[in-house]
Amino acid sequence: MNGAEKLAYVALFILAIVLLLTNQVALATVAIVPYVLASFKYSFPQLKKPSGRHR
């Protein structure tokens, strides 16, 4: 995960919290859904494909 992705996660999290605190639940779910979906990207280990150079 690079710096830009970390910043995007933090921004989405803060946006969701602020929207929940201002009782805008519909907009908060719009902010939470991409945050949760993006977190699945790093939840599972990435399997490396063999390079085919085994000797």
PDB file of N, CA and C in Angstrom:
ATOM      1  N   MET A   1       0.857  -1.167   0.000  1.00  0.00           N
ATOM      2  CA  MET A   1       0.000   0.000   0.000  1.00  0.00           C
ATOM      3  C   MET A   1       0.905   1.232   0.000  1.00  0.00           C
ATOM      4  N   ASN A   2       0.667   2.109  -0.930  1.00  0.00           N
ATOM      5  CA  ASN A   2       1.502   3.298  -0.993  1.00  0.00           C
ATOM      6  C   ASN A   2       0.854   4.473  -0.255  1.00  0.00           C
ATOM      7  N   GLY A   3       1.527   5.588  -0.240  1.00  0.00           N
ATOM      8  CA  GLY A   3       1.062   6.749   0.511  1.00  0.00           C
ATOM      9  C   GLY A   3      -0.273   7.296   0.039  1.00  0.00           C
ATOM     10  N   ALA A   4      -0.488   7.269  -1.267  1.00  0.00           N
ATOM     11  CA  ALA A   4      -1.747   7.796  -1.803  1.00  0.00           C
ATOM     12  C   ALA A   4      -2.930   6.935  -1.369  1.00  0.00           C
ATOM     13  N   GLU A   5      -2.740   5.610  -1.333  1.00  0.00           N
ATOM     14  CA  GLU A   5      -3.822   4.735  -0.893  1.00  0.00           C
ATOM     15  C   GLU A   5      -4.107   4.922   0.584  1.00  0.00           C
ATOM     16  N   LYS A   6      -3.067   5.087   1.382  1.00  0.00           N
ATOM     17  CA  LYS A   6      -3.276   5.332   2.815  1.00  0.00           C
ATOM     18  C   LYS A   6      -4.047   6.620   3.033  1.00  0.00           C
ATOM     19  N   LEU A   7      -3.682   7.652   2.293  1.00  0.00           N
ATOM     20  CA  LEU A   7      -4.370   8.932   2.417  1.00  0.00           C
ATOM     21  C   LEU A   7      -5.837   8.814   2.008  1.00  0.00           C
ATOM     22  N   ALA A   8      -6.115   8.030   0.958  1.00  0.00           N
ATOM     23  CA  ALA A   8      -7.496   7.836   0.515  1.00  0.00           C
ATOM     24  C   ALA A   8      -8.309   7.091   1.565  1.00  0.00           C
ATOM     25  N   TYR A   9      -7.705   6.066   2.195  1.00  0.00           N
ATOM     26  CA  TYR A   9      -8.407   5.334   3.251  1.00  0.00           C
ATOM     27  C   TYR A   9      -8.726   6.242   4.430  1.00  0.00           C
ATOM     28  N   VAL A  10      -7.770   7.057   4.835  1.00  0.00           N
ATOM     29  CA  VAL A  10      -7.985   7.966   5.964  1.00  0.00           C
ATOM     30  C   VAL A  10      -9.069   8.980   5.624  1.00  0.00           C
ATOM     31  N   ALA A  11      -9.035   9.505   4.401  1.00  0.00           N
ATOM     32  CA  ALA A  11     -10.032  10.494   3.987  1.00  0.00           C
ATOM     33  C   ALA A  11     -11.435   9.894   3.958  1.00  0.00           C
ATOM     34  N   LEU A  12     -11.567   8.674   3.438  1.00  0.00           N
ATOM     35  CA  LEU A  12     -12.881   8.026   3.416  1.00  0.00           C
ATOM     36  C   LEU A  12     -13.381   7.735   4.824  1.00  0.00           C
ATOM     37  N   PHE A  13     -12.477   7.316   5.701  1.00  0.00           N
ATOM     38  CA  PHE A  13     -12.869   7.021   7.078  1.00  0.00           C
ATOM     39  C   PHE A  13     -13.342   8.288   7.791  1.00  0.00           C
ATOM     40  N   ILE A  14     -12.602   9.373   7.647  1.00  0.00           N
ATOM     41  CA  ILE A  14     -12.990  10.636   8.284  1.00  0.00           C
ATOM     42  C   ILE A  14     -14.304  11.143   7.702  1.00  0.00           C
ATOM     43  N   LEU A  15     -14.462  11.033   6.391  1.00  0.00           N
ATOM     44  CA  LEU A  15     -15.712  11.464   5.755  1.00  0.00           C
ATOM     45  C   LEU A  15     -16.901  10.671   6.280  1.00  0.00           C
ATOM     46  N   ALA A  16     -16.733   9.359   6.418  1.00  0.00           N
ATOM     47  CA  ALA A  16     -17.827   8.529   6.924  1.00  0.00           C
ATOM     48  C   ALA A  16     -18.189   8.898   8.356  1.00  0.00           C
ATOM     49  N   ILE A  17     -17.190   9.132   9.207  1.00  0.00           N
ATOM     50  CA  ILE A  17     -17.454   9.497  10.599  1.00  0.00           C
ATOM     51  C   ILE A  17     -18.166  10.840  10.682  1.00  0.00           C
ATOM     52  N   VAL A  18     -17.697  11.809   9.919  1.00  0.00           N
ATOM     53  CA  VAL A  18     -18.330  13.135   9.945  1.00  0.00           C
ATOM     54  C   VAL A  18     -19.765  13.056   9.460  1.00  0.00           C
ATOM     55  N   LEU A  19     -20.014  12.286   8.416  1.00  0.00           N
ATOM     56  CA  LEU A  19     -21.380  12.160   7.907  1.00  0.00           C
ATOM     57  C   LEU A  19     -22.283  11.448   8.905  1.00  0.00           C
ATOM     58  N   LEU A  20     -21.746  10.458   9.617  1.00  0.00           N
ATOM     59  CA  LEU A  20     -22.556   9.794  10.640  1.00  0.00           C
ATOM     60  C   LEU A  20     -22.864  10.734  11.799  1.00  0.00           C
ATOM     61  N   LEU A  21     -21.908  11.565  12.162  1.00  0.00           N
ATOM     62  CA  LEU A  21     -22.131  12.501  13.265  1.00  0.00           C
ATOM     63  C   LEU A  21     -23.139  13.591  12.900  1.00  0.00           C
ATOM     64  N   THR A  22     -23.274  13.890  11.612  1.00  0.00           N
ATOM     65  CA  THR A  22     -24.242  14.899  11.189  1.00  0.00           C
ATOM     66  C   THR A  22     -25.555  14.273  10.727  1.00  0.00           C
ATOM     67  N   ASN A  23     -25.767  13.001  11.086  1.00  0.00           N
ATOM     68  CA  ASN A  23     -27.011  12.275  10.792  1.00  0.00           C
ATOM     69  C   ASN A  23     -27.322  12.180   9.306  1.00  0.00           C
ATOM     70  N   GLN A  24     -26.305  12.038   8.482  1.00  0.00           N
ATOM     71  CA  GLN A  24     -26.502  11.822   7.049  1.00  0.00           C
ATOM     72  C   GLN A  24     -26.077  10.388   6.736  1.00  0.00           C
ATOM     73  N   VAL A  25     -26.940   9.469   7.134  1.00  0.00           N
ATOM     74  CA  VAL A  25     -26.608   8.044   7.071  1.00  0.00           C
ATOM     75  C   VAL A  25     -26.471   7.564   5.636  1.00  0.00           C
ATOM     76  N   ALA A  26     -27.314   8.045   4.736  1.00  0.00           N
ATOM     77  CA  ALA A  26     -27.252   7.599   3.346  1.00  0.00           C
ATOM     78  C   ALA A  26     -25.915   7.971   2.716  1.00  0.00           C
ATOM     79  N   LEU A  27     -25.458   9.173   2.954  1.00  0.00           N
ATOM     80  CA  LEU A  27     -24.168   9.581   2.403  1.00  0.00           C
ATOM     81  C   LEU A  27     -23.015   8.870   3.098  1.00  0.00           C
ATOM     82  N   ALA A  28     -23.182   8.550   4.369  1.00  0.00           N
ATOM     83  CA  ALA A  28     -22.136   7.828   5.094  1.00  0.00           C
ATOM     84  C   ALA A  28     -21.964   6.433   4.524  1.00  0.00           C
ATOM     85  N   THR A  29     -23.063   5.786   4.145  1.00  0.00           N
ATOM     86  CA  THR A  29     -22.932   4.450   3.558  1.00  0.00           C
ATOM     87  C   THR A  29     -22.246   4.526   2.198  1.00  0.00           C
ATOM     88  N   VAL A  30     -22.467   5.607   1.471  1.00  0.00           N
ATOM     89  CA  VAL A  30     -21.781   5.791   0.189  1.00  0.00           C
ATOM     90  C   VAL A  30     -20.277   5.923   0.414  1.00  0.00           C
ATOM     91  N   ALA A  31     -19.873   6.497   1.529  1.00  0.00           N
ATOM     92  CA  ALA A  31     -18.451   6.634   1.842  1.00  0.00           C
ATOM     93  C   ALA A  31     -17.878   5.348   2.431  1.00  0.00           C
ATOM     94  N   ILE A  32     -18.695   4.581   3.148  1.00  0.00           N
ATOM     95  CA  ILE A  32     -18.196   3.376   3.805  1.00  0.00           C
ATOM     96  C   ILE A  32     -18.036   2.221   2.822  1.00  0.00           C
ATOM     97  N   VAL A  33     -18.929   2.090   1.856  1.00  0.00           N
ATOM     98  CA  VAL A  33     -18.892   0.953   0.931  1.00  0.00           C
ATOM     99  C   VAL A  33     -17.571   0.871   0.164  1.00  0.00           C
ATOM    100  N   PRO A  34     -17.074   1.947  -0.458  1.00  0.00           N
ATOM    101  CA  PRO A  34     -15.777   1.826  -1.144  1.00  0.00           C
ATOM    102  C   PRO A  34     -14.633   1.544  -0.180  1.00  0.00           C
ATOM    103  N   TYR A  35     -14.731   2.060   1.041  1.00  0.00           N
ATOM    104  CA  TYR A  35     -13.700   1.808   2.046  1.00  0.00           C
ATOM    105  C   TYR A  35     -13.628   0.321   2.380  1.00  0.00           C
ATOM    106  N   VAL A  36     -14.778  -0.305   2.552  1.00  0.00           N
ATOM    107  CA  VAL A  36     -14.818  -1.730   2.879  1.00  0.00           C
ATOM    108  C   VAL A  36     -14.379  -2.569   1.685  1.00  0.00           C
ATOM    109  N   LEU A  37     -14.840  -2.229   0.499  1.00  0.00           N
ATOM    110  CA  LEU A  37     -14.458  -2.989  -0.686  1.00  0.00           C
ATOM    111  C   LEU A  37     -12.958  -2.898  -0.955  1.00  0.00           C
ATOM    112  N   ALA A  38     -12.382  -1.735  -0.742  1.00  0.00           N
ATOM    113  CA  ALA A  38     -10.942  -1.576  -0.951  1.00  0.00           C
ATOM    114  C   ALA A  38     -10.147  -2.333   0.097  1.00  0.00           C
ATOM    115  N   SER A  39     -10.696  -2.486   1.287  1.00  0.00           N
ATOM    116  CA  SER A  39      -9.964  -3.201   2.330  1.00  0.00           C
ATOM    117  C   SER A  39      -9.863  -4.691   2.009  1.00  0.00           C
ATOM    118  N   PHE A  40     -10.795  -5.223   1.202  1.00  0.00           N
ATOM    119  CA  PHE A  40     -10.715  -6.625   0.800  1.00  0.00           C
ATOM    120  C   PHE A  40      -9.502  -6.888  -0.089  1.00  0.00           C
ATOM    121  N   LYS A  41      -9.023  -5.862  -0.758  1.00  0.00           N
ATOM    122  CA  LYS A  41      -7.866  -6.016  -1.635  1.00  0.00           C
ATOM    123  C   LYS A  41      -6.650  -6.502  -0.854  1.00  0.00           C
ATOM    124  N   TYR A  42      -6.515  -6.062   0.396  1.00  0.00           N
ATOM    125  CA  TYR A  42      -5.363  -6.412   1.201  1.00  0.00           C
ATOM    126  C   TYR A  42      -5.680  -7.468   2.261  1.00  0.00           C
ATOM    127  N   SER A  43      -6.907  -7.964   2.278  1.00  0.00           N
ATOM    128  CA  SER A  43      -7.280  -8.961   3.271  1.00  0.00           C
ATOM    129  C   SER A  43      -6.767 -10.348   2.927  1.00  0.00           C
ATOM    130  N   PHE A  44      -6.629 -10.624   1.650  1.00  0.00           N
ATOM    131  CA  PHE A  44      -6.238 -11.953   1.218  1.00  0.00           C
ATOM    132  C   PHE A  44      -4.822 -11.911   0.662  1.00  0.00           C
ATOM    133  N   PRO A  45      -4.028 -12.934   0.939  1.00  0.00           N
ATOM    134  CA  PRO A  45      -2.650 -12.937   0.423  1.00  0.00           C
ATOM    135  C   PRO A  45      -2.623 -13.036  -1.095  1.00  0.00           C
ATOM    136  N   GLN A  46      -1.699 -12.322  -1.685  1.00  0.00           N
ATOM    137  CA  GLN A  46      -1.542 -12.368  -3.135  1.00  0.00           C
ATOM    138  C   GLN A  46      -0.676 -13.565  -3.491  1.00  0.00           C
ATOM    139  N   LEU A  47      -1.182 -14.427  -4.346  1.00  0.00           N
ATOM    140  CA  LEU A  47      -0.440 -15.601  -4.763  1.00  0.00           C
ATOM    141  C   LEU A  47       0.460 -15.224  -5.934  1.00  0.00           C
ATOM    142  N   LYS A  48       1.723 -15.561  -5.828  1.00  0.00           N
ATOM    143  CA  LYS A  48       2.657 -15.264  -6.900  1.00  0.00           C
ATOM    144  C   LYS A  48       2.620 -16.378  -7.929  1.00  0.00           C
ATOM    145  N   LYS A  49       2.582 -15.996  -9.185  1.00  0.00           N
ATOM    146  CA  LYS A  49       2.596 -16.974 -10.257  1.00  0.00           C
ATOM    147  C   LYS A  49       4.050 -17.416 -10.501  1.00  0.00           C
ATOM    148  N   PRO A  50       4.242 -18.675 -10.805  1.00  0.00           N
ATOM    149  CA  PRO A  50       5.616 -19.110 -11.080  1.00  0.00           C
ATOM    150  C   PRO A  50       6.154 -18.458 -12.350  1.00  0.00           C
ATOM    151  N   SER A  51       7.422 -18.140 -12.327  1.00  0.00           N
ATOM    152  CA  SER A  51       8.016 -17.448 -13.469  1.00  0.00           C
ATOM    153  C   SER A  51       8.366 -18.389 -14.613  1.00  0.00           C
ATOM    154  N   GLY A  52       8.423 -19.685 -14.345  1.00  0.00           N
ATOM    155  CA  GLY A  52       8.748 -20.634 -15.395  1.00  0.00           C
ATOM    156  C   GLY A  52      10.238 -20.795 -15.615  1.00  0.00           C
ATOM    157  N   ARG A  53      11.046 -20.275 -14.727  1.00  0.00           N
ATOM    158  CA  ARG A  53      12.505 -20.355 -14.878  1.00  0.00           C
ATOM    159  C   ARG A  53      13.124 -21.328 -13.873  1.00  0.00           C
ATOM    160  N   HIS A  54      12.404 -22.343 -13.507  1.00  0.00           N
ATOM    161  CA  HIS A  54      12.951 -23.328 -12.570  1.00  0.00           C
ATOM    162  C   HIS A  54      13.931 -24.236 -13.300  1.00  0.00           C
ATOM    163  N   ARG A  55      15.111 -24.416 -12.730  1.00  0.00           N
ATOM    164  CA  ARG A  55      16.115 -25.285 -13.357  1.00  0.00           C
ATOM    165  C   ARG A  55      16.535 -26.334 -12.397  1.00  0.00           C
TER     166      ARG A  55
END
